[in-house]
């Protein structure tokens, strides 16, 4: 490692440490204005509109996306585009969150005027308590006075990190207040790995599981295993409840005189099952742990088989 690379690594550590210290200061500085901002957001009948210019605009887009994905309808409005028609996206019943480190961003003037004209509540996030933006705010959230991470103090770094974290704090507080569940989250994240992780067993299972009565002859049982194509078959008792399962391992163990047996004599009793509301990732973990390829799905609090899940169903859906 060269001395130059050592110096660069030290710079990276200094930047991260400085931003971490800024976040700690921000956490300590939160006061009742944070709660008042949440009150405004919870009372909104419309949407949360997030706006900012430059680097603050990039942060505003992410904050709006976080709100939207956690159950709070939100979108980003660009301040310059707002002056050319996009103010129509901001209406009575909405709440504005406006970001500006200096609080003096000139492009925000029309949004501030629009908010005042239509009595739209405005939450300001800025580093300057006496700024123009703060003067227009219904509630102001002031960032701590900490230096930017660059030595010249001109590149938005700690300020944007704190603003982003403050937006996350507002979104998560709303999410927890509204008891936002993984089911709700999955509705807004149907695609990609995240959506796959939140799939439930009922989303992937086959509704007609392979089942035979315990009194069925093994010759007919083998035909049913072959016909259904899962490589297994569930075995039911006289009441129709799941009593066992027959896998290829059971067939090998009873190979001698197999055709002389009934299904109930060959099965493995009390097989591991899973409920339809379990996460598909949990089912895959069970299959991997037990080195099996299928799980029978039983109705909640019963032994009634209502489906079957194959490991390939999980893999095809991207569950890992």
Foldseek 3Di string as FASTA:
>chain_A
DDPVVVVVVVLVVLQVVQLVVLLVVLVVPDDCLLVVVLVLQVQQPDAEEEEEDDLSRVLSQVLQVLLCLLPGHYHYDYLQVCVVPCVVVDAPSYAYEYEDAQLAPPSCVVVLVSCVVRVHAYEYEYQDCPHPNVVSHPGYRHRDPGARSDPVRDDPHSSSSNVNVSSVVSSVVVSVVVVRDLVSSLVSVCDDLSVLQSAFQLVQWAQDAAEDEQQAFVVVVVVSCVVVVQQKHFYAYPVQFTFFMAHVVLCVVPVVCRRVHGNNVSGDGPDDAAERGHGVLVVLVVCVVVVHFKHFYDYPPGRHTRTMHGNVSSVVSVRD
